[in-house]
Amino acid sequence: EVQLVESGGGLVQAGGSLRLSCAASGFTFDDYAIGWFRQAPGKEREGVSCISSSDKSTYSIDSVKRRFTISSDNAKNTVYLQMNSLKPEDTAVYYCAAGVFGTYSCTGRLYEYAYWGQGTQVTVSS
């Protein structure tokens, strides 16, 4: 059974940091890219960052590039999202997802990800 379990969310003040974890099981981790997505109230879900488990190539949206860092520990089948300098606009439910990209770079397009976690809430207070 494929499982993606997010953890590490919480309430933090603006300027603070959180590290999200996504623990994966039930599939061959090295064959997949893992993406982080977020959905704020009343907004569409958007891709934030992704990493290919095989070559560790990454992608991030411009609004988080200098603040968020994605990494993976293949021995633990876990992907992390280190979020620094958090802003109130980062408040959202954060989801991780797994998708197969082959030799292509991972993207933030939701439809390219087959498996999804349940999400973890991140709230940034001003």
PDB file of N, CA and C in Angstrom:
ATOM      1  N   GLU A   1       0.841  -1.185   0.000  1.00  0.00           N
ATOM      2  CA  GLU A   1       0.000   0.000   0.000  1.00  0.00           C
ATOM      3  C   GLU A   1       0.887   1.251   0.000  1.00  0.00           C
ATOM      4  N   VAL A   2       0.634   2.136  -0.931  1.00  0.00           N
ATOM      5  CA  VAL A   2       1.387   3.386  -1.011  1.00  0.00           C
ATOM      6  C   VAL A   2       0.937   4.321   0.104  1.00  0.00           C
ATOM      7  N   GLN A   3       1.904   4.873   0.795  1.00  0.00           N
ATOM      8  CA  GLN A   3       1.604   5.852   1.843  1.00  0.00           C
ATOM      9  C   GLN A   3       2.583   7.001   1.783  1.00  0.00           C
ATOM     10  N   LEU A   4       2.054   8.190   1.934  1.00  0.00           N
ATOM     11  CA  LEU A   4       2.853   9.394   2.094  1.00  0.00           C
ATOM     12  C   LEU A   4       2.328  10.089   3.343  1.00  0.00           C
ATOM     13  N   VAL A   5       3.199  10.281   4.309  1.00  0.00           N
ATOM     14  CA  VAL A   5       2.764  10.852   5.578  1.00  0.00           C
ATOM     15  C   VAL A   5       3.566  12.106   5.866  1.00  0.00           C
ATOM     16  N   GLU A   6       2.863  13.235   5.921  1.00  0.00           N
ATOM     17  CA  GLU A   6       3.509  14.503   6.219  1.00  0.00           C
ATOM     18  C   GLU A   6       3.525  14.746   7.729  1.00  0.00           C
ATOM     19  N   SER A   7       4.540  15.455   8.167  1.00  0.00           N
ATOM     20  CA  SER A   7       4.618  15.868   9.563  1.00  0.00           C
ATOM     21  C   SER A   7       5.442  17.135   9.650  1.00  0.00           C
ATOM     22  N   GLY A   8       5.383  17.794  10.798  1.00  0.00           N
ATOM     23  CA  GLY A   8       6.214  18.956  11.029  1.00  0.00           C
ATOM     24  C   GLY A   8       5.508  20.292  10.933  1.00  0.00           C
ATOM     25  N   GLY A   9       4.242  20.275  10.566  1.00  0.00           N
ATOM     26  CA  GLY A   9       3.515  21.526  10.505  1.00  0.00           C
ATOM     27  C   GLY A   9       3.251  22.088  11.885  1.00  0.00           C
ATOM     28  N   GLY A  10       2.730  23.313  11.917  1.00  0.00           N
ATOM     29  CA  GLY A  10       2.420  23.939  13.194  1.00  0.00           C
ATOM     30  C   GLY A  10       2.202  25.419  13.056  1.00  0.00           C
ATOM     31  N   LEU A  11       2.193  26.087  14.198  1.00  0.00           N
ATOM     32  CA  LEU A  11       2.008  27.534  14.260  1.00  0.00           C
ATOM     33  C   LEU A  11       3.344  28.192  14.552  1.00  0.00           C
ATOM     34  N   VAL A  12       3.696  29.175  13.756  1.00  0.00           N
ATOM     35  CA  VAL A  12       4.974  29.855  13.923  1.00  0.00           C
ATOM     36  C   VAL A  12       4.772  31.335  13.631  1.00  0.00           C
ATOM     37  N   GLN A  13       5.583  32.168  14.252  1.00  0.00           N
ATOM     38  CA  GLN A  13       5.513  33.597  13.972  1.00  0.00           C
ATOM     39  C   GLN A  13       6.230  33.924  12.673  1.00  0.00           C
ATOM     40  N   ALA A  14       5.835  35.008  12.067  1.00  0.00           N
ATOM     41  CA  ALA A  14       6.503  35.468  10.849  1.00  0.00           C
ATOM     42  C   ALA A  14       8.000  35.603  11.105  1.00  0.00           C
ATOM     43  N   GLY A  15       8.774  35.145  10.136  1.00  0.00           N
ATOM     44  CA  GLY A  15      10.216  35.145  10.271  1.00  0.00           C
ATOM     45  C   GLY A  15      10.779  33.854  10.833  1.00  0.00           C
ATOM     46  N   GLY A  16       9.899  33.003  11.350  1.00  0.00           N
ATOM     47  CA  GLY A  16      10.341  31.741  11.928  1.00  0.00           C
ATOM     48  C   GLY A  16      10.566  30.656  10.900  1.00  0.00           C
ATOM     49  N   SER A  17      10.851  29.461  11.406  1.00  0.00           N
ATOM     50  CA  SER A  17      11.183  28.330  10.538  1.00  0.00           C
ATOM     51  C   SER A  17      10.404  27.084  10.950  1.00  0.00           C
ATOM     52  N   LEU A  18      10.177  26.242   9.979  1.00  0.00           N
ATOM     53  CA  LEU A  18       9.614  24.911  10.205  1.00  0.00           C
ATOM     54  C   LEU A  18      10.284  23.952   9.233  1.00  0.00           C
ATOM     55  N   ARG A  19      10.357  22.688   9.610  1.00  0.00           N
ATOM     56  CA  ARG A  19      10.815  21.663   8.686  1.00  0.00           C
ATOM     57  C   ARG A  19       9.730  20.613   8.551  1.00  0.00           C
ATOM     58  N   LEU A  20       9.239  20.478   7.355  1.00  0.00           N
ATOM     59  CA  LEU A  20       8.246  19.457   7.055  1.00  0.00           C
ATOM     60  C   LEU A  20       8.927  18.177   6.598  1.00  0.00           C
ATOM     61  N   SER A  21       8.351  17.061   6.961  1.00  0.00           N
ATOM     62  CA  SER A  21       8.856  15.763   6.520  1.00  0.00           C
ATOM     63  C   SER A  21       7.754  15.024   5.771  1.00  0.00           C
ATOM     64  N   CYS A  22       8.167  14.266   4.788  1.00  0.00           N
ATOM     65  CA  CYS A  22       7.250  13.414   4.029  1.00  0.00           C
ATOM     66  C   CYS A  22       7.861  12.022   4.000  1.00  0.00           C
ATOM     67  N   ALA A  23       7.259  11.108   4.758  1.00  0.00           N
ATOM     68  CA  ALA A  23       7.746   9.734   4.816  1.00  0.00           C
ATOM     69  C   ALA A  23       6.966   8.885   3.821  1.00  0.00           C
ATOM     70  N   ALA A  24       7.684   8.230   2.920  1.00  0.00           N
ATOM     71  CA  ALA A  24       7.058   7.465   1.842  1.00  0.00           C
ATOM     72  C   ALA A  24       7.252   5.974   2.044  1.00  0.00           C
ATOM     73  N   SER A  25       6.263   5.202   1.647  1.00  0.00           N
ATOM     74  CA  SER A  25       6.374   3.745   1.700  1.00  0.00           C
ATOM     75  C   SER A  25       5.438   3.142   0.660  1.00  0.00           C
ATOM     76  N   GLY A  26       5.713   1.876   0.312  1.00  0.00           N
ATOM     77  CA  GLY A  26       4.833   1.158  -0.601  1.00  0.00           C
ATOM     78  C   GLY A  26       5.184   1.298  -2.061  1.00  0.00           C
ATOM     79  N   PHE A  27       6.272   1.989  -2.392  1.00  0.00           N
ATOM     80  CA  PHE A  27       6.714   2.079  -3.773  1.00  0.00           C
ATOM     81  C   PHE A  27       8.228   2.257  -3.787  1.00  0.00           C
ATOM     82  N   THR A  28       8.820   2.107  -4.969  1.00  0.00           N
ATOM     83  CA  THR A  28      10.273   2.230  -5.108  1.00  0.00           C
ATOM     84  C   THR A  28      10.639   3.709  -5.118  1.00  0.00           C
ATOM     85  N   PHE A  29      11.143   4.153  -4.002  1.00  0.00           N
ATOM     86  CA  PHE A  29      11.375   5.579  -3.785  1.00  0.00           C
ATOM     87  C   PHE A  29      12.246   6.196  -4.874  1.00  0.00           C
ATOM     88  N   ASP A  30      13.293   5.487  -5.291  1.00  0.00           N
ATOM     89  CA  ASP A  30      14.235   6.037  -6.266  1.00  0.00           C
ATOM     90  C   ASP A  30      13.603   6.273  -7.638  1.00  0.00           C
ATOM     91  N   ASP A  31      12.473   5.658  -7.901  1.00  0.00           N
ATOM     92  CA  ASP A  31      11.824   5.797  -9.210  1.00  0.00           C
ATOM     93  C   ASP A  31      10.893   7.007  -9.283  1.00  0.00           C
ATOM     94  N   TYR A  32      10.736   7.701  -8.178  1.00  0.00           N
ATOM     95  CA  TYR A  32       9.754   8.768  -8.101  1.00  0.00           C
ATOM     96  C   TYR A  32      10.385  10.107  -7.761  1.00  0.00           C
ATOM     97  N   ALA A  33       9.700  11.150  -8.148  1.00  0.00           N
ATOM     98  CA  ALA A  33       9.970  12.490  -7.632  1.00  0.00           C
ATOM     99  C   ALA A  33       8.917  12.785  -6.567  1.00  0.00           C
ATOM    100  N   ILE A  34       9.330  13.539  -5.570  1.00  0.00           N
ATOM    101  CA  ILE A  34       8.420  13.952  -4.508  1.00  0.00           C
ATOM    102  C   ILE A  34       8.230  15.458  -4.589  1.00  0.00           C
ATOM    103  N   GLY A  35       6.997  15.861  -4.595  1.00  0.00           N
ATOM    104  CA  GLY A  35       6.690  17.282  -4.639  1.00  0.00           C
ATOM    105  C   GLY A  35       5.983  17.735  -3.378  1.00  0.00           C
ATOM    106  N   TRP A  36       6.197  18.992  -3.044  1.00  0.00           N
ATOM    107  CA  TRP A  36       5.449  19.641  -1.972  1.00  0.00           C
ATOM    108  C   TRP A  36       4.483  20.636  -2.610  1.00  0.00           C
ATOM    109  N   PHE A  37       3.258  20.575  -2.142  1.00  0.00           N
ATOM    110  CA  PHE A  37       2.208  21.460  -2.632  1.00  0.00           C
ATOM    111  C   PHE A  37       1.556  22.134  -1.433  1.00  0.00           C
ATOM    112  N   ARG A  38       0.857  23.225  -1.676  1.00  0.00           N
ATOM    113  CA  ARG A  38       0.138  23.865  -0.582  1.00  0.00           C
ATOM    114  C   ARG A  38      -1.189  24.415  -1.079  1.00  0.00           C
ATOM    115  N   GLN A  39      -2.121  24.476  -0.151  1.00  0.00           N
ATOM    116  CA  GLN A  39      -3.431  25.017  -0.478  1.00  0.00           C
ATOM    117  C   GLN A  39      -3.895  25.902   0.663  1.00  0.00           C
ATOM    118  N   ALA A  40      -4.019  27.178   0.359  1.00  0.00           N
ATOM    119  CA  ALA A  40      -4.509  28.153   1.327  1.00  0.00           C
ATOM    120  C   ALA A  40      -6.033  28.213   1.228  1.00  0.00           C
ATOM    121  N   PRO A  41      -6.701  28.653   2.294  1.00  0.00           N
ATOM    122  CA  PRO A  41      -8.170  28.739   2.255  1.00  0.00           C
ATOM    123  C   PRO A  41      -8.658  29.579   1.082  1.00  0.00           C
ATOM    124  N   GLY A  42      -9.577  29.020   0.327  1.00  0.00           N
ATOM    125  CA  GLY A  42     -10.158  29.733  -0.791  1.00  0.00           C
ATOM    126  C   GLY A  42      -9.288  29.810  -2.030  1.00  0.00           C
ATOM    127  N   LYS A  43      -8.154  29.138  -2.015  1.00  0.00           N
ATOM    128  CA  LYS A  43      -7.242  29.189  -3.155  1.00  0.00           C
ATOM    129  C   LYS A  43      -7.010  27.797  -3.726  1.00  0.00           C
ATOM    130  N   GLU A  44      -6.514  27.762  -4.936  1.00  0.00           N
ATOM    131  CA  GLU A  44      -6.195  26.483  -5.563  1.00  0.00           C
ATOM    132  C   GLU A  44      -4.890  25.925  -4.986  1.00  0.00           C
ATOM    133  N   ARG A  45      -4.791  24.628  -5.045  1.00  0.00           N
ATOM    134  CA  ARG A  45      -3.550  23.989  -4.623  1.00  0.00           C
ATOM    135  C   ARG A  45      -2.448  24.340  -5.617  1.00  0.00           C
ATOM    136  N   GLU A  46      -1.268  24.657  -5.098  1.00  0.00           N
ATOM    137  CA  GLU A  46      -0.157  25.030  -5.965  1.00  0.00           C
ATOM    138  C   GLU A  46       1.095  24.229  -5.617  1.00  0.00           C
ATOM    139  N   GLY A  47       1.886  23.976  -6.641  1.00  0.00           N
ATOM    140  CA  GLY A  47       3.161  23.317  -6.436  1.00  0.00           C
ATOM    141  C   GLY A  47       4.162  24.284  -5.834  1.00  0.00           C
ATOM    142  N   VAL A  48       4.903  23.835  -4.856  1.00  0.00           N
ATOM    143  CA  VAL A  48       5.889  24.673  -4.166  1.00  0.00           C
ATOM    144  C   VAL A  48       7.311  24.263  -4.547  1.00  0.00           C
ATOM    145  N   SER A  49       7.592  22.990  -4.445  1.00  0.00           N
ATOM    146  CA  SER A  49       8.947  22.516  -4.681  1.00  0.00           C
ATOM    147  C   SER A  49       8.888  21.021  -4.941  1.00  0.00           C
ATOM    148  N   CYS A  50       9.881  20.517  -5.667  1.00  0.00           N
ATOM    149  CA  CYS A  50       9.931  19.076  -5.888  1.00  0.00           C
ATOM    150  C   CYS A  50      11.380  18.638  -6.012  1.00  0.00           C
ATOM    151  N   ILE A  51      11.602  17.343  -5.813  1.00  0.00           N
ATOM    152  CA  ILE A  51      12.942  16.777  -5.916  1.00  0.00           C
ATOM    153  C   ILE A  51      12.850  15.396  -6.524  1.00  0.00           C
ATOM    154  N   SER A  52      13.774  15.131  -7.436  1.00  0.00           N
ATOM    155  CA  SER A  52      13.864  13.810  -8.019  1.00  0.00           C
ATOM    156  C   SER A  52      14.692  12.942  -7.086  1.00  0.00           C
ATOM    157  N   SER A  53      14.158  11.793  -6.702  1.00  0.00           N
ATOM    158  CA  SER A  53      14.872  10.935  -5.756  1.00  0.00           C
ATOM    159  C   SER A  53      16.119  10.322  -6.375  1.00  0.00           C
ATOM    160  N   SER A  54      16.169  10.203  -7.691  1.00  0.00           N
ATOM    161  CA  SER A  54      17.311   9.542  -8.335  1.00  0.00           C
ATOM    162  C   SER A  54      18.513  10.462  -8.439  1.00  0.00           C
ATOM    163  N   ASP A  55      18.327  11.655  -9.007  1.00  0.00           N
ATOM    164  CA  ASP A  55      19.485  12.526  -9.208  1.00  0.00           C
ATOM    165  C   ASP A  55      19.453  13.768  -8.339  1.00  0.00           C
ATOM    166  N   LYS A  56      18.457  13.874  -7.467  1.00  0.00           N
ATOM    167  CA  LYS A  56      18.348  14.985  -6.524  1.00  0.00           C
ATOM    168  C   LYS A  56      18.161  16.342  -7.224  1.00  0.00           C
ATOM    169  N   SER A  57      17.768  16.347  -8.478  1.00  0.00           N
ATOM    170  CA  SER A  57      17.462  17.626  -9.119  1.00  0.00           C
ATOM    171  C   SER A  57      16.201  18.195  -8.470  1.00  0.00           C
ATOM    172  N   THR A  58      16.135  19.509  -8.415  1.00  0.00           N
ATOM    173  CA  THR A  58      15.032  20.150  -7.714  1.00  0.00           C
ATOM    174  C   THR A  58      14.399  21.251  -8.543  1.00  0.00           C
ATOM    175  N   TYR A  59      13.217  21.622  -8.118  1.00  0.00           N
ATOM    176  CA  TYR A  59      12.493  22.739  -8.705  1.00  0.00           C
ATOM    177  C   TYR A  59      11.749  23.433  -7.562  1.00  0.00           C
ATOM    178  N   SER A  60      11.721  24.761  -7.607  1.00  0.00           N
ATOM    179  CA  SER A  60      10.940  25.519  -6.622  1.00  0.00           C
ATOM    180  C   SER A  60      10.337  26.729  -7.299  1.00  0.00           C
ATOM    181  N   ILE A  61       9.206  27.159  -6.800  1.00  0.00           N
ATOM    182  CA  ILE A  61       8.607  28.371  -7.339  1.00  0.00           C
ATOM    183  C   ILE A  61       9.381  29.593  -6.828  1.00  0.00           C
ATOM    184  N   ASP A  62       9.296  30.678  -7.582  1.00  0.00           N
ATOM    185  CA  ASP A  62      10.101  31.852  -7.286  1.00  0.00           C
ATOM    186  C   ASP A  62       9.854  32.396  -5.882  1.00  0.00           C
ATOM    187  N   SER A  63       8.615  32.354  -5.426  1.00  0.00           N
ATOM    188  CA  SER A  63       8.282  32.978  -4.147  1.00  0.00           C
ATOM    189  C   SER A  63       8.912  32.281  -2.944  1.00  0.00           C
ATOM    190  N   VAL A  64       9.438  31.081  -3.120  1.00  0.00           N
ATOM    191  CA  VAL A  64      10.042  30.366  -1.987  1.00  0.00           C
ATOM    192  C   VAL A  64      11.509  30.030  -2.220  1.00  0.00           C
ATOM    193  N   LYS A  65      12.033  30.314  -3.391  1.00  0.00           N
ATOM    194  CA  LYS A  65      13.381  29.855  -3.754  1.00  0.00           C
ATOM    195  C   LYS A  65      14.439  30.247  -2.744  1.00  0.00           C
ATOM    196  N   ARG A  66      14.402  31.436  -2.254  1.00  0.00           N
ATOM    197  CA  ARG A  66      15.444  31.898  -1.323  1.00  0.00           C
ATOM    198  C   ARG A  66      15.114  31.577   0.120  1.00  0.00           C
ATOM    199  N   ARG A  67      13.973  30.930   0.365  1.00  0.00           N
ATOM    200  CA  ARG A  67      13.552  30.678   1.752  1.00  0.00           C
ATOM    201  C   ARG A  67      13.347  29.201   2.064  1.00  0.00           C
ATOM    202  N   PHE A  68      12.919  28.433   1.083  1.00  0.00           N
ATOM    203  CA  PHE A  68      12.625  27.013   1.298  1.00  0.00           C
ATOM    204  C   PHE A  68      13.690  26.154   0.626  1.00  0.00           C
ATOM    205  N   THR A  69      14.050  25.058   1.282  1.00  0.00           N
ATOM    206  CA  THR A  69      15.008  24.118   0.717  1.00  0.00           C
ATOM    207  C   THR A  69      14.422  22.711   0.781  1.00  0.00           C
ATOM    208  N   ILE A  70      14.394  22.041  -0.346  1.00  0.00           N
ATOM    209  CA  ILE A  70      13.904  20.663  -0.386  1.00  0.00           C
ATOM    210  C   ILE A  70      15.102  19.728  -0.434  1.00  0.00           C
ATOM    211  N   SER A  71      14.982  18.610   0.282  1.00  0.00           N
ATOM    212  CA  SER A  71      16.058  17.618   0.293  1.00  0.00           C
ATOM    213  C   SER A  71      15.438  16.248   0.512  1.00  0.00           C
ATOM    214  N   SER A  72      16.237  15.234   0.260  1.00  0.00           N
ATOM    215  CA  SER A  72      15.725  13.877   0.450  1.00  0.00           C
ATOM    216  C   SER A  72      16.771  12.997   1.100  1.00  0.00           C
ATOM    217  N   ASP A  73      16.312  12.039   1.857  1.00  0.00           N
ATOM    218  CA  ASP A  73      17.164  11.022   2.468  1.00  0.00           C
ATOM    219  C   ASP A  73      16.657   9.685   1.936  1.00  0.00           C
ATOM    220  N   ASN A  74      17.322   9.190   0.904  1.00  0.00           N
ATOM    221  CA  ASN A  74      16.837   7.973   0.266  1.00  0.00           C
ATOM    222  C   ASN A  74      16.896   6.766   1.192  1.00  0.00           C
ATOM    223  N   ALA A  75      17.824   6.772   2.131  1.00  0.00           N
ATOM    224  CA  ALA A  75      17.920   5.654   3.080  1.00  0.00           C
ATOM    225  C   ALA A  75      16.685   5.588   3.969  1.00  0.00           C
ATOM    226  N   LYS A  76      16.058   6.728   4.180  1.00  0.00           N
ATOM    227  CA  LYS A  76      14.868   6.786   5.032  1.00  0.00           C
ATOM    228  C   LYS A  76      13.584   6.956   4.220  1.00  0.00           C
ATOM    229  N   ASN A  77      13.714   7.006   2.896  1.00  0.00           N
ATOM    230  CA  ASN A  77      12.536   7.247   2.042  1.00  0.00           C
ATOM    231  C   ASN A  77      11.761   8.475   2.518  1.00  0.00           C
ATOM    232  N   THR A  78      12.489   9.517   2.793  1.00  0.00           N
ATOM    233  CA  THR A  78      11.876  10.716   3.364  1.00  0.00           C
ATOM    234  C   THR A  78      12.371  11.961   2.627  1.00  0.00           C
ATOM    235  N   VAL A  79      11.452  12.865   2.390  1.00  0.00           N
ATOM    236  CA  VAL A  79      11.773  14.154   1.786  1.00  0.00           C
ATOM    237  C   VAL A  79      11.433  15.240   2.793  1.00  0.00           C
ATOM    238  N   TYR A  80      12.289  16.249   2.846  1.00  0.00           N
ATOM    239  CA  TYR A  80      12.124  17.340   3.795  1.00  0.00           C
ATOM    240  C   TYR A  80      11.907  18.657   3.048  1.00  0.00           C
ATOM    241  N   LEU A  81      11.189  19.537   3.683  1.00  0.00           N
ATOM    242  CA  LEU A  81      11.058  20.903   3.188  1.00  0.00           C
ATOM    243  C   LEU A  81      11.410  21.825   4.347  1.00  0.00           C
ATOM    244  N   GLN A  82      12.598  22.387   4.283  1.00  0.00           N
ATOM    245  CA  GLN A  82      13.036  23.345   5.288  1.00  0.00           C
ATOM    246  C   GLN A  82      12.506  24.713   4.891  1.00  0.00           C
ATOM    247  N   MET A  83      11.701  25.291   5.742  1.00  0.00           N
ATOM    248  CA  MET A  83      11.074  26.574   5.435  1.00  0.00           C
ATOM    249  C   MET A  83      11.581  27.621   6.408  1.00  0.00           C
ATOM    250  N   ASN A  84      12.284  28.592   5.886  1.00  0.00           N
ATOM    251  CA  ASN A  84      12.839  29.682   6.690  1.00  0.00           C
ATOM    252  C   ASN A  84      12.160  30.997   6.304  1.00  0.00           C
ATOM    253  N   SER A  85      12.329  31.988   7.168  1.00  0.00           N
ATOM    254  CA  SER A  85      11.775  33.322   6.908  1.00  0.00           C
ATOM    255  C   SER A  85      10.310  33.241   6.498  1.00  0.00           C
ATOM    256  N   LEU A  86       9.548  32.509   7.261  1.00  0.00           N
ATOM    257  CA  LEU A  86       8.157  32.281   6.902  1.00  0.00           C
ATOM    258  C   LEU A  86       7.343  33.566   6.966  1.00  0.00           C
ATOM    259  N   LYS A  87       6.382  33.660   6.068  1.00  0.00           N
ATOM    260  CA  LYS A  87       5.515  34.829   5.958  1.00  0.00           C
ATOM    261  C   LYS A  87       4.060  34.394   6.158  1.00  0.00           C
ATOM    262  N   PRO A  88       3.218  35.312   6.582  1.00  0.00           N
ATOM    263  CA  PRO A  88       1.799  34.949   6.741  1.00  0.00           C
ATOM    264  C   PRO A  88       1.193  34.347   5.464  1.00  0.00           C
ATOM    265  N   GLU A  89       1.656  34.785   4.320  1.00  0.00           N
ATOM    266  CA  GLU A  89       1.120  34.246   3.065  1.00  0.00           C
ATOM    267  C   GLU A  89       1.558  32.814   2.792  1.00  0.00           C
ATOM    268  N   ASP A  90       2.448  32.281   3.608  1.00  0.00           N
ATOM    269  CA  ASP A  90       2.813  30.860   3.487  1.00  0.00           C
ATOM    270  C   ASP A  90       1.817  29.965   4.215  1.00  0.00           C
ATOM    271  N   THR A  91       0.887  30.564   4.945  1.00  0.00           N
ATOM    272  CA  THR A  91      -0.116  29.788   5.662  1.00  0.00           C
ATOM    273  C   THR A  91      -0.945  28.954   4.691  1.00  0.00           C
ATOM    274  N   ALA A  92      -0.983  27.653   4.941  1.00  0.00           N
ATOM    275  CA  ALA A  92      -1.689  26.735   4.047  1.00  0.00           C
ATOM    276  C   ALA A  92      -1.601  25.332   4.620  1.00  0.00           C
ATOM    277  N   VAL A  93      -2.359  24.438   4.028  1.00  0.00           N
ATOM    278  CA  VAL A  93      -2.143  23.009   4.260  1.00  0.00           C
ATOM    279  C   VAL A  93      -1.099  22.571   3.234  1.00  0.00           C
ATOM    280  N   TYR A  94      -0.067  21.933   3.712  1.00  0.00           N
ATOM    281  CA  TYR A  94       1.022  21.474   2.859  1.00  0.00           C
ATOM    282  C   TYR A  94       0.891  19.970   2.635  1.00  0.00           C
ATOM    283  N   TYR A  95       0.958  19.582   1.379  1.00  0.00           N
ATOM    284  CA  TYR A  95       0.840  18.187   0.975  1.00  0.00           C
ATOM    285  C   TYR A  95       2.116  17.753   0.281  1.00  0.00           C
ATOM    286  N   CYS A  96       2.485  16.488   0.465  1.00  0.00           N
ATOM    287  CA  CYS A  96       3.513  15.926  -0.383  1.00  0.00           C
ATOM    288  C   CYS A  96       2.865  14.906  -1.318  1.00  0.00           C
ATOM    289  N   ALA A  97       3.493  14.707  -2.449  1.00  0.00           N
ATOM    290  CA  ALA A  97       2.951  13.827  -3.469  1.00  0.00           C
ATOM    291  C   ALA A  97       4.098  13.169  -4.222  1.00  0.00           C
ATOM    292  N   ALA A  98       3.822  12.018  -4.811  1.00  0.00           N
ATOM    293  CA  ALA A  98       4.832  11.267  -5.552  1.00  0.00           C
ATOM    294  C   ALA A  98       4.398  11.091  -6.993  1.00  0.00           C
ATOM    295  N   GLY A  99       5.350  11.287  -7.891  1.00  0.00           N
ATOM    296  CA  GLY A  99       5.059  11.125  -9.306  1.00  0.00           C
ATOM    297  C   GLY A  99       6.261  10.590 -10.048  1.00  0.00           C
ATOM    298  N   VAL A 100       6.003   9.959 -11.199  1.00  0.00           N
ATOM    299  CA  VAL A 100       7.077   9.407 -12.021  1.00  0.00           C
ATOM    300  C   VAL A 100       7.367  10.377 -13.155  1.00  0.00           C
ATOM    301  N   PHE A 101       8.623  10.769 -13.279  1.00  0.00           N
ATOM    302  CA  PHE A 101       9.020  11.711 -14.320  1.00  0.00           C
ATOM    303  C   PHE A 101      10.069  11.123 -15.264  1.00  0.00           C
ATOM    304  N   GLY A 102      10.543   9.908 -14.987  1.00  0.00           N
ATOM    305  CA  GLY A 102      11.549   9.304 -15.859  1.00  0.00           C
ATOM    306  C   GLY A 102      12.789  10.165 -15.916  1.00  0.00           C
ATOM    307  N   THR A 103      13.207  10.507 -17.118  1.00  0.00           N
ATOM    308  CA  THR A 103      14.407  11.327 -17.288  1.00  0.00           C
ATOM    309  C   THR A 103      14.101  12.820 -17.285  1.00  0.00           C
ATOM    310  N   TYR A 104      12.840  13.181 -17.132  1.00  0.00           N
ATOM    311  CA  TYR A 104      12.456  14.592 -17.138  1.00  0.00           C
ATOM    312  C   TYR A 104      12.530  15.169 -15.735  1.00  0.00           C
ATOM    313  N   SER A 105      12.712  16.466 -15.671  1.00  0.00           N
ATOM    314  CA  SER A 105      12.737  17.129 -14.372  1.00  0.00           C
ATOM    315  C   SER A 105      11.349  17.154 -13.767  1.00  0.00           C
ATOM    316  N   CYS A 106      11.282  17.103 -12.451  1.00  0.00           N
ATOM    317  CA  CYS A 106       9.984  17.173 -11.803  1.00  0.00           C
ATOM    318  C   CYS A 106       9.420  18.585 -11.947  1.00  0.00           C
ATOM    319  N   THR A 107       8.113  18.677 -11.789  1.00  0.00           N
ATOM    320  CA  THR A 107       7.426  19.953 -11.960  1.00  0.00           C
ATOM    321  C   THR A 107       6.456  20.168 -10.812  1.00  0.00           C
ATOM    322  N   GLY A 108       5.806  21.294 -10.831  1.00  0.00           N
ATOM    323  CA  GLY A 108       4.777  21.590  -9.839  1.00  0.00           C
ATOM    324  C   GLY A 108       3.371  21.348 -10.340  1.00  0.00           C
ATOM    325  N   ARG A 109       3.228  20.602 -11.395  1.00  0.00           N
ATOM    326  CA  ARG A 109       1.891  20.337 -11.963  1.00  0.00           C
ATOM    327  C   ARG A 109       1.220  19.197 -11.222  1.00  0.00           C
ATOM    328  N   LEU A 110       0.078  19.482 -10.653  1.00  0.00           N
ATOM    329  CA  LEU A 110      -0.605  18.517  -9.795  1.00  0.00           C
ATOM    330  C   LEU A 110      -0.918  17.218 -10.514  1.00  0.00           C
ATOM    331  N   TYR A 111      -1.319  17.299 -11.785  1.00  0.00           N
ATOM    332  CA  TYR A 111      -1.801  16.104 -12.471  1.00  0.00           C
ATOM    333  C   TYR A 111      -0.693  15.100 -12.749  1.00  0.00           C
ATOM    334  N   GLU A 112       0.550  15.498 -12.557  1.00  0.00           N
ATOM    335  CA  GLU A 112       1.666  14.594 -12.802  1.00  0.00           C
ATOM    336  C   GLU A 112       2.018  13.758 -11.576  1.00  0.00           C
ATOM    337  N   TYR A 113       1.285  13.929 -10.498  1.00  0.00           N
ATOM    338  CA  TYR A 113       1.562  13.206  -9.269  1.00  0.00           C
ATOM    339  C   TYR A 113       0.424  12.230  -8.981  1.00  0.00           C
ATOM    340  N   ALA A 114       0.799  10.961  -8.775  1.00  0.00           N
ATOM    341  CA  ALA A 114      -0.206   9.911  -8.635  1.00  0.00           C
ATOM    342  C   ALA A 114      -0.622   9.682  -7.191  1.00  0.00           C
ATOM    343  N   TYR A 115       0.292   9.881  -6.276  1.00  0.00           N
ATOM    344  CA  TYR A 115       0.022   9.558  -4.880  1.00  0.00           C
ATOM    345  C   TYR A 115       0.153  10.812  -4.021  1.00  0.00           C
ATOM    346  N   TRP A 116      -0.741  10.931  -3.055  1.00  0.00           N
ATOM    347  CA  TRP A 116      -0.805  12.127  -2.223  1.00  0.00           C
ATOM    348  C   TRP A 116      -0.919  11.785  -0.751  1.00  0.00           C
ATOM    349  N   GLY A 117      -0.315  12.627   0.069  1.00  0.00           N
ATOM    350  CA  GLY A 117      -0.499  12.516   1.499  1.00  0.00           C
ATOM    351  C   GLY A 117      -1.736  13.267   1.947  1.00  0.00           C
ATOM    352  N   GLN A 118      -1.981  13.242   3.238  1.00  0.00           N
ATOM    353  CA  GLN A 118      -3.182  13.862   3.815  1.00  0.00           C
ATOM    354  C   GLN A 118      -2.982  15.335   4.152  1.00  0.00           C
ATOM    355  N   GLY A 119      -1.753  15.774   4.212  1.00  0.00           N
ATOM    356  CA  GLY A 119      -1.483  17.183   4.458  1.00  0.00           C
ATOM    357  C   GLY A 119      -1.162  17.501   5.904  1.00  0.00           C
ATOM    358  N   THR A 120      -0.451  18.603   6.082  1.00  0.00           N
ATOM    359  CA  THR A 120      -0.130  19.109   7.409  1.00  0.00           C
ATOM    360  C   THR A 120      -0.314  20.629   7.391  1.00  0.00           C
ATOM    361  N   GLN A 121      -0.916  21.158   8.439  1.00  0.00           N
ATOM    362  CA  GLN A 121      -1.249  22.580   8.485  1.00  0.00           C
ATOM    363  C   GLN A 121      -0.036  23.395   8.904  1.00  0.00           C
ATOM    364  N   VAL A 122       0.224  24.448   8.156  1.00  0.00           N
ATOM    365  CA  VAL A 122       1.242  25.436   8.513  1.00  0.00           C
ATOM    366  C   VAL A 122       0.536  26.777   8.668  1.00  0.00           C
ATOM    367  N   THR A 123       0.679  27.368   9.838  1.00  0.00           N
ATOM    368  CA  THR A 123       0.062  28.666  10.101  1.00  0.00           C
ATOM    369  C   THR A 123       1.151  29.630  10.539  1.00  0.00           C
ATOM    370  N   VAL A 124       1.263  30.748   9.824  1.00  0.00           N
ATOM    371  CA  VAL A 124       2.259  31.760  10.139  1.00  0.00           C
ATOM    372  C   VAL A 124       1.529  33.011  10.610  1.00  0.00           C
ATOM    373  N   SER A 125       1.784  33.386  11.838  1.00  0.00           N
ATOM    374  CA  SER A 125       1.119  34.562  12.395  1.00  0.00           C
ATOM    375  C   SER A 125       1.967  35.805  12.181  1.00  0.00           C
ATOM    376  N   SER A 126       1.297  36.934  12.024  1.00  0.00           N
ATOM    377  CA  SER A 126       2.013  38.188  11.767  1.00  0.00           C
ATOM    378  C   SER A 126       2.376  38.902  13.056  1.00  0.00           C
TER     379      SER A 126
END
